[in-house]
PDB file of N, CA and C in Angstrom:
ATOM      1  N   MET A   1      -8.108   8.565   7.634  1.00  0.00           N
ATOM      2  CA  MET A   1      -6.523   7.429   7.891  1.00  0.00           C
ATOM      3  C   MET A   1      -6.991   7.387   9.496  1.00  0.00           C
ATOM      4  N   PRO A   2      -6.277   6.453  10.348  1.00  0.00           N
ATOM      5  CA  PRO A   2      -6.572   6.376  11.476  1.00  0.00           C
ATOM      6  C   PRO A   2      -5.463   6.893  12.114  1.00  0.00           C
ATOM      7  N   GLY A   3      -5.506   7.856  13.382  1.00  0.00           N
ATOM      8  CA  GLY A   3      -4.624   8.657  13.993  1.00  0.00           C
ATOM      9  C   GLY A   3      -3.474   8.069  14.045  1.00  0.00           C
ATOM     10  N   GLY A   4      -3.386   6.867  14.214  1.00  0.00           N
ATOM     11  CA  GLY A   4      -1.776   6.598  14.894  1.00  0.00           C
ATOM     12  C   GLY A   4      -0.914   6.801  13.200  1.00  0.00           C
ATOM     13  N   LEU A   5      -1.751   6.319  11.963  1.00  0.00           N
ATOM     14  CA  LEU A   5      -1.096   6.073  11.089  1.00  0.00           C
ATOM     15  C   LEU A   5      -0.451   7.815  10.925  1.00  0.00           C
ATOM     16  N   LYS A   6      -1.252   8.070  10.539  1.00  0.00           N
ATOM     17  CA  LYS A   6      -1.358   9.799  10.215  1.00  0.00           C
ATOM     18  C   LYS A   6      -0.376  10.405  11.114  1.00  0.00           C
ATOM     19  N   ASN A   7      -0.016   9.914  12.491  1.00  0.00           N
ATOM     20  CA  ASN A   7       0.935  10.769  13.238  1.00  0.00           C
ATOM     21  C   ASN A   7       1.887  10.436  13.173  1.00  0.00           C
ATOM     22  N   VAL A   8       2.200   9.067  12.428  1.00  0.00           N
ATOM     23  CA  VAL A   8       3.584   8.366  12.057  1.00  0.00           C
ATOM     24  C   VAL A   8       4.077   9.093  10.968  1.00  0.00           C
ATOM     25  N   LEU A   9       3.341   9.415  10.054  1.00  0.00           N
ATOM     26  CA  LEU A   9       3.614   9.717   8.623  1.00  0.00           C
ATOM     27  C   LEU A   9       3.967  11.372   9.022  1.00  0.00           C
ATOM     28  N   ASP A  10       3.244  11.803   9.869  1.00  0.00           N
ATOM     29  CA  ASP A  10       3.573  13.083   9.996  1.00  0.00           C
ATOM     30  C   ASP A  10       5.024  13.448  10.747  1.00  0.00           C
ATOM     31  N   TRP A  11       5.420  12.387  11.530  1.00  0.00           N
ATOM     32  CA  TRP A  11       6.665  12.998  12.051  1.00  0.00           C
ATOM     33  C   TRP A  11       7.823  12.639  11.426  1.00  0.00           C
ATOM     34  N   MET A  12       7.445  11.151  10.216  1.00  0.00           N
ATOM     35  CA  MET A  12       8.257  10.769   9.294  1.00  0.00           C
ATOM     36  C   MET A  12       8.444  12.279   8.493  1.00  0.00           C
ATOM     37  N   SER A  13       7.687  13.043   8.432  1.00  0.00           N
ATOM     38  CA  SER A  13       7.705  14.067   7.367  1.00  0.00           C
ATOM     39  C   SER A  13       8.581  15.177   7.606  1.00  0.00           C
ATOM     40  N   ARG A  14       8.761  15.311   8.815  1.00  0.00           N
ATOM     41  CA  ARG A  14       9.591  16.270   9.472  1.00  0.00           C
ATOM     42  C   ARG A  14      11.259  16.086   9.333  1.00  0.00           C
ATOM     43  N   GLY A  15      11.965  17.394   9.604  1.00  0.00           N
ATOM     44  CA  GLY A  15      13.181  17.338   9.189  1.00  0.00           C
ATOM     45  C   GLY A  15      14.097  17.049   8.012  1.00  0.00           C
ATOM     46  N   ASP A  16      15.073  17.225   7.882  1.00  0.00           N
ATOM     47  CA  ASP A  16      16.251  16.933   6.804  1.00  0.00           C
ATOM     48  C   ASP A  16      15.623  15.497   5.916  1.00  0.00           C
ATOM     49  N   GLY A  17      15.950  14.457   6.419  1.00  0.00           N
ATOM     50  CA  GLY A  17      15.811  13.172   5.986  1.00  0.00           C
ATOM     51  C   GLY A  17      14.529  12.711   5.240  1.00  0.00           C
ATOM     52  N   GLN A  18      13.930  12.554   4.287  1.00  0.00           N
ATOM     53  CA  GLN A  18      12.483  11.837   3.995  1.00  0.00           C
ATOM     54  C   GLN A  18      12.944  10.367   4.056  1.00  0.00           C
ATOM     55  N   PRO A  19      12.713   9.540   4.950  1.00  0.00           N
ATOM     56  CA  PRO A  19      12.925   8.380   4.781  1.00  0.00           C
ATOM     57  C   PRO A  19      11.795   7.530   3.829  1.00  0.00           C
ATOM     58  N   LEU A  20      10.939   7.922   3.283  1.00  0.00           N
ATOM     59  CA  LEU A  20       9.940   7.620   1.957  1.00  0.00           C
ATOM     60  C   LEU A  20      10.548   8.058   0.773  1.00  0.00           C
ATOM     61  N   ALA A  21      11.483   8.864   0.371  1.00  0.00           N
ATOM     62  CA  ALA A  21      11.308   9.515  -0.569  1.00  0.00           C
ATOM     63  C   ALA A  21      12.101   9.001  -1.700  1.00  0.00           C
ATOM     64  N   LEU A  22      11.461   8.563  -2.775  1.00  0.00           N
ATOM     65  CA  LEU A  22      12.070   7.904  -3.896  1.00  0.00           C
ATOM     66  C   LEU A  22      11.857   6.317  -3.378  1.00  0.00           C
ATOM     67  N   LYS A  23      11.140   5.677  -2.861  1.00  0.00           N
ATOM     68  CA  LYS A  23      10.983   4.543  -2.309  1.00  0.00           C
ATOM     69  C   LYS A  23       9.974   4.238  -3.062  1.00  0.00           C
ATOM     70  N   PRO A  24      10.079   2.670  -3.450  1.00  0.00           N
ATOM     71  CA  PRO A  24       8.668   2.151  -3.818  1.00  0.00           C
ATOM     72  C   PRO A  24       7.861   1.963  -2.409  1.00  0.00           C
ATOM     73  N   VAL A  25       6.090   2.064  -2.711  1.00  0.00           N
ATOM     74  CA  VAL A  25       5.405   1.874  -1.841  1.00  0.00           C
ATOM     75  C   VAL A  25       4.249   0.777  -2.081  1.00  0.00           C
ATOM     76  N   ALA A  26       3.516   0.157  -1.847  1.00  0.00           N
ATOM     77  CA  ALA A  26       2.275  -0.459  -2.596  1.00  0.00           C
ATOM     78  C   ALA A  26       1.299  -0.169  -1.272  1.00  0.00           C
ATOM     79  N   ILE A  27       0.411  -0.124  -1.525  1.00  0.00           N
ATOM     80  CA  ILE A  27      -0.887   0.235  -0.583  1.00  0.00           C
ATOM     81  C   ILE A  27      -2.008  -1.283  -0.900  1.00  0.00           C
ATOM     82  N   LEU A  28      -2.529  -1.753   0.302  1.00  0.00           N
ATOM     83  CA  LEU A  28      -3.451  -2.431   0.332  1.00  0.00           C
ATOM     84  C   LEU A  28      -4.651  -2.114   1.625  1.00  0.00           C
ATOM     85  N   THR A  29      -5.576  -2.309   1.422  1.00  0.00           N
ATOM     86  CA  THR A  29      -6.312  -1.641   2.684  1.00  0.00           C
ATOM     87  C   THR A  29      -7.593  -3.244   2.772  1.00  0.00           C
ATOM     88  N   ALA A  30      -7.960  -3.199   4.142  1.00  0.00           N
ATOM     89  CA  ALA A  30      -9.117  -3.883   4.196  1.00  0.00           C
ATOM     90  C   ALA A  30     -10.097  -3.682   5.488  1.00  0.00           C
ATOM     91  N   SER A  31     -11.199  -3.678   5.207  1.00  0.00           N
ATOM     92  CA  SER A  31     -11.914  -3.535   6.407  1.00  0.00           C
ATOM     93  C   SER A  31     -13.244  -4.617   6.494  1.00  0.00           C
ATOM     94  N   THR A  32     -14.204  -4.448   7.482  1.00  0.00           N
ATOM     95  CA  THR A  32     -15.129  -5.327   7.857  1.00  0.00           C
ATOM     96  C   THR A  32     -16.346  -4.362   6.714  1.00  0.00           C
ATOM     97  N   GLY A  33     -16.180  -3.423   6.428  1.00  0.00           N
ATOM     98  CA  GLY A  33     -17.489  -3.291   5.501  1.00  0.00           C
ATOM     99  C   GLY A  33     -17.142  -2.902   4.003  1.00  0.00           C
ATOM    100  N   PRO A  34     -18.421  -3.143   3.249  1.00  0.00           N
ATOM    101  CA  PRO A  34     -17.969  -2.941   1.718  1.00  0.00           C
ATOM    102  C   PRO A  34     -16.917  -2.511   1.297  1.00  0.00           C
ATOM    103  N   PRO A  35     -16.902  -1.358   1.445  1.00  0.00           N
ATOM    104  CA  PRO A  35     -15.760  -0.379   0.707  1.00  0.00           C
ATOM    105  C   PRO A  35     -13.912  -0.953   0.576  1.00  0.00           C
ATOM    106  N   GLY A  36     -14.004  -1.574   1.840  1.00  0.00           N
ATOM    107  CA  GLY A  36     -12.424  -2.480   2.064  1.00  0.00           C
ATOM    108  C   GLY A  36     -11.770  -1.085   2.116  1.00  0.00           C
ATOM    109  N   GLY A  37     -11.745  -0.351   2.784  1.00  0.00           N
ATOM    110  CA  GLY A  37     -11.391   0.855   3.130  1.00  0.00           C
ATOM    111  C   GLY A  37     -10.795   1.816   1.917  1.00  0.00           C
ATOM    112  N   ALA A  38     -11.420   2.012   1.308  1.00  0.00           N
ATOM    113  CA  ALA A  38     -11.142   2.970  -0.347  1.00  0.00           C
ATOM    114  C   ALA A  38     -10.878   4.326   0.310  1.00  0.00           C
ATOM    115  N   ARG A  39     -11.798   5.083   1.216  1.00  0.00           N
ATOM    116  CA  ARG A  39     -11.207   6.331   1.258  1.00  0.00           C
ATOM    117  C   ARG A  39     -10.107   6.378   2.327  1.00  0.00           C
ATOM    118  N   VAL A  40      -9.559   5.874   3.139  1.00  0.00           N
ATOM    119  CA  VAL A  40      -8.442   5.667   3.639  1.00  0.00           C
ATOM    120  C   VAL A  40      -7.460   5.374   2.909  1.00  0.00           C
ATOM    121  N   GLN A  41      -7.382   4.425   1.778  1.00  0.00           N
ATOM    122  CA  GLN A  41      -6.359   4.209   0.594  1.00  0.00           C
ATOM    123  C   GLN A  41      -6.236   5.731  -0.033  1.00  0.00           C
ATOM    124  N   TYR A  42      -7.335   6.057  -0.307  1.00  0.00           N
ATOM    125  CA  TYR A  42      -6.825   7.604  -1.103  1.00  0.00           C
ATOM    126  C   TYR A  42      -6.253   8.567  -0.463  1.00  0.00           C
ATOM    127  N   GLU A  43      -6.878   8.335   0.455  1.00  0.00           N
ATOM    128  CA  GLU A  43      -6.419   9.694   1.708  1.00  0.00           C
ATOM    129  C   GLU A  43      -4.652   9.416   1.841  1.00  0.00           C
ATOM    130  N   LEU A  44      -4.145   8.349   1.917  1.00  0.00           N
ATOM    131  CA  LEU A  44      -3.349   7.846   2.291  1.00  0.00           C
ATOM    132  C   LEU A  44      -1.867   8.049   1.473  1.00  0.00           C
ATOM    133  N   ARG A  45      -2.660   7.597  -0.100  1.00  0.00           N
ATOM    134  CA  ARG A  45      -2.069   7.749  -0.937  1.00  0.00           C
ATOM    135  C   ARG A  45      -1.875   9.543  -1.308  1.00  0.00           C
ATOM    136  N   LYS A  46      -2.497  10.156  -1.128  1.00  0.00           N
ATOM    137  CA  LYS A  46      -2.246  11.286  -1.586  1.00  0.00           C
ATOM    138  C   LYS A  46      -1.016  12.029  -0.558  1.00  0.00           C
ATOM    139  N   VAL A  47      -1.071  11.577   0.405  1.00  0.00           N
ATOM    140  CA  VAL A  47       0.168  11.431   1.997  1.00  0.00           C
ATOM    141  C   VAL A  47       1.076  10.998   1.227  1.00  0.00           C
ATOM    142  N   LEU A  48       1.426  10.236   1.006  1.00  0.00           N
ATOM    143  CA  LEU A  48       2.753   9.193   0.106  1.00  0.00           C
ATOM    144  C   LEU A  48       3.320  10.238  -0.551  1.00  0.00           C
ATOM    145  N   LEU A  49       2.246  10.521  -1.605  1.00  0.00           N
ATOM    146  CA  LEU A  49       2.742  11.286  -3.072  1.00  0.00           C
ATOM    147  C   LEU A  49       3.517  12.336  -2.270  1.00  0.00           C
ATOM    148  N   PHE A  50       2.981  13.170  -1.462  1.00  0.00           N
ATOM    149  CA  PHE A  50       3.290  14.586  -1.201  1.00  0.00           C
ATOM    150  C   PHE A  50       4.939  14.178  -0.249  1.00  0.00           C
ATOM    151  N   MET A  51       5.055  12.731   0.061  1.00  0.00           N
ATOM    152  CA  MET A  51       6.014  12.507   0.615  1.00  0.00           C
ATOM    153  C   MET A  51       7.389  12.290  -0.209  1.00  0.00           C
ATOM    154  N   ASN A  52       6.808  12.113  -1.262  1.00  0.00           N
ATOM    155  CA  ASN A  52       7.550  11.959  -2.852  1.00  0.00           C
ATOM    156  C   ASN A  52       7.808  10.171  -2.720  1.00  0.00           C
ATOM    157  N   ALA A  53       6.847   9.423  -2.225  1.00  0.00           N
ATOM    158  CA  ALA A  53       7.221   7.800  -2.118  1.00  0.00           C
ATOM    159  C   ALA A  53       6.959   7.450  -3.977  1.00  0.00           C
ATOM    160  N   LEU A  54       7.290   6.691  -4.222  1.00  0.00           N
ATOM    161  CA  LEU A  54       6.681   5.994  -5.452  1.00  0.00           C
ATOM    162  C   LEU A  54       5.214   5.052  -5.165  1.00  0.00           C
ATOM    163  N   VAL A  55       4.497   5.582  -5.350  1.00  0.00           N
ATOM    164  CA  VAL A  55       3.387   4.881  -5.137  1.00  0.00           C
ATOM    165  C   VAL A  55       2.906   3.823  -5.901  1.00  0.00           C
ATOM    166  N   LEU A  56       2.588   2.587  -5.842  1.00  0.00           N
ATOM    167  CA  LEU A  56       2.278   1.613  -6.868  1.00  0.00           C
ATOM    168  C   LEU A  56       0.895   2.101  -7.339  1.00  0.00           C
ATOM    169  N   ALA A  57       0.905   2.511  -8.086  1.00  0.00           N
ATOM    170  CA  ALA A  57      -0.475   2.914  -8.837  1.00  0.00           C
ATOM    171  C   ALA A  57      -1.656   1.694  -9.159  1.00  0.00           C
ATOM    172  N   LYS A  58      -1.456   0.822  -9.956  1.00  0.00           N
ATOM    173  CA  LYS A  58      -1.856  -0.387  -9.872  1.00  0.00           C
ATOM    174  C   LYS A  58      -1.084  -1.660  -9.561  1.00  0.00           C
ATOM    175  N   PRO A  59      -2.069  -2.471  -9.671  1.00  0.00           N
ATOM    176  CA  PRO A  59      -3.519  -3.033  -9.173  1.00  0.00           C
ATOM    177  C   PRO A  59      -4.020  -2.067  -7.806  1.00  0.00           C
ATOM    178  N   GLU A  60      -4.541  -1.541  -7.779  1.00  0.00           N
ATOM    179  CA  GLU A  60      -5.611  -1.175  -6.282  1.00  0.00           C
ATOM    180  C   GLU A  60      -6.009  -2.244  -5.652  1.00  0.00           C
ATOM    181  N   ILE A  61      -5.524  -2.526  -4.029  1.00  0.00           N
ATOM    182  CA  ILE A  61      -6.648  -3.730  -3.555  1.00  0.00           C
ATOM    183  C   ILE A  61      -7.412  -3.084  -2.591  1.00  0.00           C
ATOM    184  N   PHE A  62      -8.693  -3.495  -2.366  1.00  0.00           N
ATOM    185  CA  PHE A  62      -9.577  -2.996  -1.488  1.00  0.00           C
ATOM    186  C   PHE A  62     -10.168  -4.418  -0.945  1.00  0.00           C
ATOM    187  N   ILE A  63     -10.039  -4.950   0.118  1.00  0.00           N
ATOM    188  CA  ILE A  63     -10.546  -6.105   0.523  1.00  0.00           C
ATOM    189  C   ILE A  63     -11.919  -5.367   1.630  1.00  0.00           C
ATOM    190  N   GLY A  64     -13.208  -5.546   0.934  1.00  0.00           N
ATOM    191  CA  GLY A  64     -14.485  -5.606   1.911  1.00  0.00           C
ATOM    192  C   GLY A  64     -15.018  -6.896   2.643  1.00  0.00           C
ATOM    193  N   GLY A  65     -15.456  -6.944   3.659  1.00  0.00           N
ATOM    194  CA  GLY A  65     -15.962  -7.757   4.231  1.00  0.00           C
ATOM    195  C   GLY A  65     -14.777  -8.778   4.702  1.00  0.00           C
ATOM    196  N   ALA A  66     -13.625  -8.392   5.391  1.00  0.00           N
ATOM    197  CA  ALA A  66     -12.604  -8.894   5.654  1.00  0.00           C
ATOM    198  C   ALA A  66     -12.341  -9.666   6.669  1.00  0.00           C
ATOM    199  N   ALA A  67     -13.849  -9.908   7.754  1.00  0.00           N
ATOM    200  CA  ALA A  67     -14.303 -10.829   8.666  1.00  0.00           C
ATOM    201  C   ALA A  67     -14.495 -12.245   8.083  1.00  0.00           C
ATOM    202  N   THR A  68     -14.862 -12.029   6.877  1.00  0.00           N
ATOM    203  CA  THR A  68     -15.158 -13.217   6.177  1.00  0.00           C
ATOM    204  C   THR A  68     -14.662 -13.519   5.107  1.00  0.00           C
ATOM    205  N   THR A  69     -13.002 -12.695   4.936  1.00  0.00           N
ATOM    206  CA  THR A  69     -12.281 -13.005   3.760  1.00  0.00           C
ATOM    207  C   THR A  69     -10.915 -13.617   4.435  1.00  0.00           C
ATOM    208  N   PHE A  70     -10.785 -13.445   5.482  1.00  0.00           N
ATOM    209  CA  PHE A  70      -9.577 -14.340   6.457  1.00  0.00           C
ATOM    210  C   PHE A  70      -9.869 -15.095   7.522  1.00  0.00           C
ATOM    211  N   ASP A  71      -9.142 -16.018   7.985  1.00  0.00           N
ATOM    212  CA  ASP A  71      -9.475 -16.922   8.969  1.00  0.00           C
ATOM    213  C   ASP A  71      -8.935 -16.108  10.305  1.00  0.00           C
ATOM    214  N   ALA A  72      -9.712 -16.006  10.597  1.00  0.00           N
ATOM    215  CA  ALA A  72      -9.856 -15.764  12.733  1.00  0.00           C
ATOM    216  C   ALA A  72      -8.284 -15.953  13.073  1.00  0.00           C
ATOM    217  N   PHE A  73      -8.021 -17.057  13.331  1.00  0.00           N
ATOM    218  CA  PHE A  73      -6.877 -17.468  14.038  1.00  0.00           C
ATOM    219  C   PHE A  73      -5.500 -17.925  13.122  1.00  0.00           C
ATOM    220  N   SER A  74      -5.626 -17.971  12.122  1.00  0.00           N
ATOM    221  CA  SER A  74      -4.283 -17.768  11.338  1.00  0.00           C
ATOM    222  C   SER A  74      -3.892 -16.441  10.084  1.00  0.00           C
ATOM    223  N   GLY A  75      -5.029 -15.811  10.197  1.00  0.00           N
ATOM    224  CA  GLY A  75      -4.869 -14.468   9.299  1.00  0.00           C
ATOM    225  C   GLY A  75      -4.771 -14.739   7.912  1.00  0.00           C
ATOM    226  N   GLN A  76      -4.706 -16.200   7.581  1.00  0.00           N
ATOM    227  CA  GLN A  76      -4.822 -16.381   5.881  1.00  0.00           C
ATOM    228  C   GLN A  76      -5.991 -16.322   5.400  1.00  0.00           C
ATOM    229  N   SER A  77      -5.674 -15.728   4.430  1.00  0.00           N
ATOM    230  CA  SER A  77      -7.082 -15.697   3.009  1.00  0.00           C
ATOM    231  C   SER A  77      -7.615 -16.931   3.087  1.00  0.00           C
ATOM    232  N   THR A  78      -8.942 -16.959   3.226  1.00  0.00           N
ATOM    233  CA  THR A  78      -9.738 -17.928   2.578  1.00  0.00           C
ATOM    234  C   THR A  78     -10.163 -17.947   1.759  1.00  0.00           C
ATOM    235  N   ASP A  79     -10.216 -16.625   0.803  1.00  0.00           N
ATOM    236  CA  ASP A  79     -11.099 -16.406  -0.435  1.00  0.00           C
ATOM    237  C   ASP A  79      -9.610 -16.704  -1.702  1.00  0.00           C
ATOM    238  N   ASP A  80      -9.922 -17.257  -2.707  1.00  0.00           N
ATOM    239  CA  ASP A  80      -8.874 -17.608  -3.799  1.00  0.00           C
ATOM    240  C   ASP A  80      -9.208 -16.237  -4.659  1.00  0.00           C
ATOM    241  N   MET A  81      -9.880 -15.512  -5.012  1.00  0.00           N
ATOM    242  CA  MET A  81      -9.930 -14.519  -5.234  1.00  0.00           C
ATOM    243  C   MET A  81      -9.154 -13.262  -4.882  1.00  0.00           C
ATOM    244  N   THR A  82      -9.315 -13.088  -3.499  1.00  0.00           N
ATOM    245  CA  THR A  82      -8.383 -12.470  -2.655  1.00  0.00           C
ATOM    246  C   THR A  82      -7.037 -12.773  -2.653  1.00  0.00           C
ATOM    247  N   HIS A  83      -6.649 -13.964  -2.916  1.00  0.00           N
ATOM    248  CA  HIS A  83      -5.391 -14.382  -2.547  1.00  0.00           C
ATOM    249  C   HIS A  83      -4.580 -13.833  -3.994  1.00  0.00           C
ATOM    250  N   LYS A  84      -5.586 -14.390  -5.141  1.00  0.00           N
ATOM    251  CA  LYS A  84      -5.252 -13.809  -6.523  1.00  0.00           C
ATOM    252  C   LYS A  84      -4.709 -12.429  -6.245  1.00  0.00           C
ATOM    253  N   PHE A  85      -5.416 -11.444  -6.057  1.00  0.00           N
ATOM    254  CA  PHE A  85      -5.548  -9.791  -6.092  1.00  0.00           C
ATOM    255  C   PHE A  85      -4.107  -9.663  -5.258  1.00  0.00           C
ATOM    256  N   VAL A  86      -4.257 -10.422  -4.293  1.00  0.00           N
ATOM    257  CA  VAL A  86      -2.990  -9.709  -3.334  1.00  0.00           C
ATOM    258  C   VAL A  86      -1.638 -10.330  -4.344  1.00  0.00           C
ATOM    259  N   ALA A  87      -1.738 -11.478  -4.695  1.00  0.00           N
ATOM    260  CA  ALA A  87      -0.022 -12.213  -5.491  1.00  0.00           C
ATOM    261  C   ALA A  87      -0.145 -11.120  -6.899  1.00  0.00           C
ATOM    262  N   ASP A  88      -1.138 -10.661  -7.402  1.00  0.00           N
ATOM    263  CA  ASP A  88      -1.154  -9.982  -8.893  1.00  0.00           C
ATOM    264  C   ASP A  88      -0.146  -8.588  -8.226  1.00  0.00           C
ATOM    265  N   GLN A  89      -0.931  -7.834  -6.937  1.00  0.00           N
ATOM    266  CA  GLN A  89      -0.485  -6.873  -6.507  1.00  0.00           C
ATOM    267  C   GLN A  89       1.304  -7.005  -6.209  1.00  0.00           C
ATOM    268  N   MET A  90       1.409  -8.146  -5.615  1.00  0.00           N
ATOM    269  CA  MET A  90       2.946  -8.340  -4.708  1.00  0.00           C
ATOM    270  C   MET A  90       3.830  -8.357  -6.468  1.00  0.00           C
ATOM    271  N   LEU A  91       3.323  -9.324  -7.196  1.00  0.00           N
ATOM    272  CA  LEU A  91       4.379  -9.125  -8.586  1.00  0.00           C
ATOM    273  C   LEU A  91       4.413  -7.884  -9.101  1.00  0.00           C
ATOM    274  N   ALA A  92       3.548  -6.919  -9.493  1.00  0.00           N
ATOM    275  CA  ALA A  92       3.417  -5.530  -9.817  1.00  0.00           C
ATOM    276  C   ALA A  92       4.309  -4.670  -8.864  1.00  0.00           C
ATOM    277  N   PHE A  93       4.330  -5.286  -7.660  1.00  0.00           N
ATOM    278  CA  PHE A  93       5.592  -4.303  -7.035  1.00  0.00           C
ATOM    279  C   PHE A  93       6.976  -4.924  -7.042  1.00  0.00           C
ATOM    280  N   GLU A  94       7.019  -6.305  -7.214  1.00  0.00           N
ATOM    281  CA  GLU A  94       8.184  -6.858  -7.552  1.00  0.00           C
ATOM    282  C   GLU A  94       9.044  -6.193  -8.544  1.00  0.00           C
ATOM    283  N   ARG A  95       8.219  -5.967  -9.520  1.00  0.00           N
ATOM    284  CA  ARG A  95       8.461  -5.151 -10.543  1.00  0.00           C
ATOM    285  C   ARG A  95       8.797  -3.416 -10.412  1.00  0.00           C
ATOM    286  N   ARG A  96       8.064  -3.181  -9.882  1.00  0.00           N
ATOM    287  CA  ARG A  96       8.037  -1.705  -9.680  1.00  0.00           C
ATOM    288  C   ARG A  96       9.746  -1.779  -8.619  1.00  0.00           C
ATOM    289  N   ILE A  97      10.135  -2.424  -7.669  1.00  0.00           N
ATOM    290  CA  ILE A  97      11.034  -2.289  -6.656  1.00  0.00           C
ATOM    291  C   ILE A  97      12.273  -2.745  -8.040  1.00  0.00           C
ATOM    292  N   ALA A  98      12.224  -3.655  -8.810  1.00  0.00           N
ATOM    293  CA  ALA A  98      13.150  -4.023  -9.365  1.00  0.00           C
ATOM    294  C   ALA A  98      13.709  -2.819 -10.630  1.00  0.00           C
ATOM    295  N   GLY A  99      12.881  -1.967 -10.835  1.00  0.00           N
ATOM    296  CA  GLY A  99      12.697  -0.803 -12.047  1.00  0.00           C
ATOM    297  C   GLY A  99      13.707  -0.012 -11.164  1.00  0.00           C
ATOM    298  N   CYS A 100      13.187   0.168  -9.779  1.00  0.00           N
ATOM    299  CA  CYS A 100      14.162   1.317  -9.269  1.00  0.00           C
ATOM    300  C   CYS A 100      15.459   0.838  -8.774  1.00  0.00           C
ATOM    301  N   ARG A 101      15.919  -0.265  -8.889  1.00  0.00           N
ATOM    302  CA  ARG A 101      17.221  -0.675  -8.850  1.00  0.00           C
ATOM    303  C   ARG A 101      17.933  -0.789 -10.512  1.00  0.00           C
ATOM    304  N   ARG A 102      17.273  -0.332 -11.414  1.00  0.00           N
ATOM    305  CA  ARG A 102      18.127  -0.579 -12.281  1.00  0.00           C
ATOM    306  C   ARG A 102      19.341   0.752 -12.400  1.00  0.00           C
ATOM    307  N   PRO A 103      20.223   0.790 -12.914  1.00  0.00           N
ATOM    308  CA  PRO A 103      21.082   1.909 -12.862  1.00  0.00           C
ATOM    309  C   PRO A 103      20.095   2.863 -14.123  1.00  0.00           C
ATOM    310  N   ARG A 104      20.204   3.808 -13.957  1.00  0.00           N
ATOM    311  CA  ARG A 104      19.947   4.824 -14.971  1.00  0.00           C
ATOM    312  C   ARG A 104      20.861   5.705 -15.765  1.00  0.00           C
ATOM    313  N   SER A 105      20.685   5.637 -17.045  1.00  0.00           N
ATOM    314  CA  SER A 105      21.505   6.130 -18.103  1.00  0.00           C
ATOM    315  C   SER A 105      21.757   7.672 -17.928  1.00  0.00           C
ATOM    316  N   PRO A 106      23.292   8.346 -17.807  1.00  0.00           N
ATOM    317  CA  PRO A 106      22.897   9.644 -17.534  1.00  0.00           C
ATOM    318  C   PRO A 106      22.213  10.473 -18.651  1.00  0.00           C
ATOM    319  N   ALA A 107      21.922  11.763 -18.286  1.00  0.00           N
ATOM    320  CA  ALA A 107      20.431  12.307 -19.531  1.00  0.00           C
ATOM    321  C   ALA A 107      21.518  13.088 -20.036  1.00  0.00           C
TER     322      ALA A 107
END
């Protein structure tokens, strides 16, 4: 996990107020290498679960070869499959958020 991100999460986890507790979180990683940041994503997932965040389990998005998948100037995806994977994750995340907003019936 990048040091800067680890430090931010470490500082966020200290104190009484837990800003990510029971908040929906989606993870997407991209890297120039073939695994697409898979190891970083799995480590980040463990940390976020410990922080009691509601991490979206699926679909998982690992974008490998990011230098050829995104336009260097605009940052836009140039790959249709990548665009579809990200769109599918955002739809799933939207459903997760909507589910968190529903009032829960008393037990």
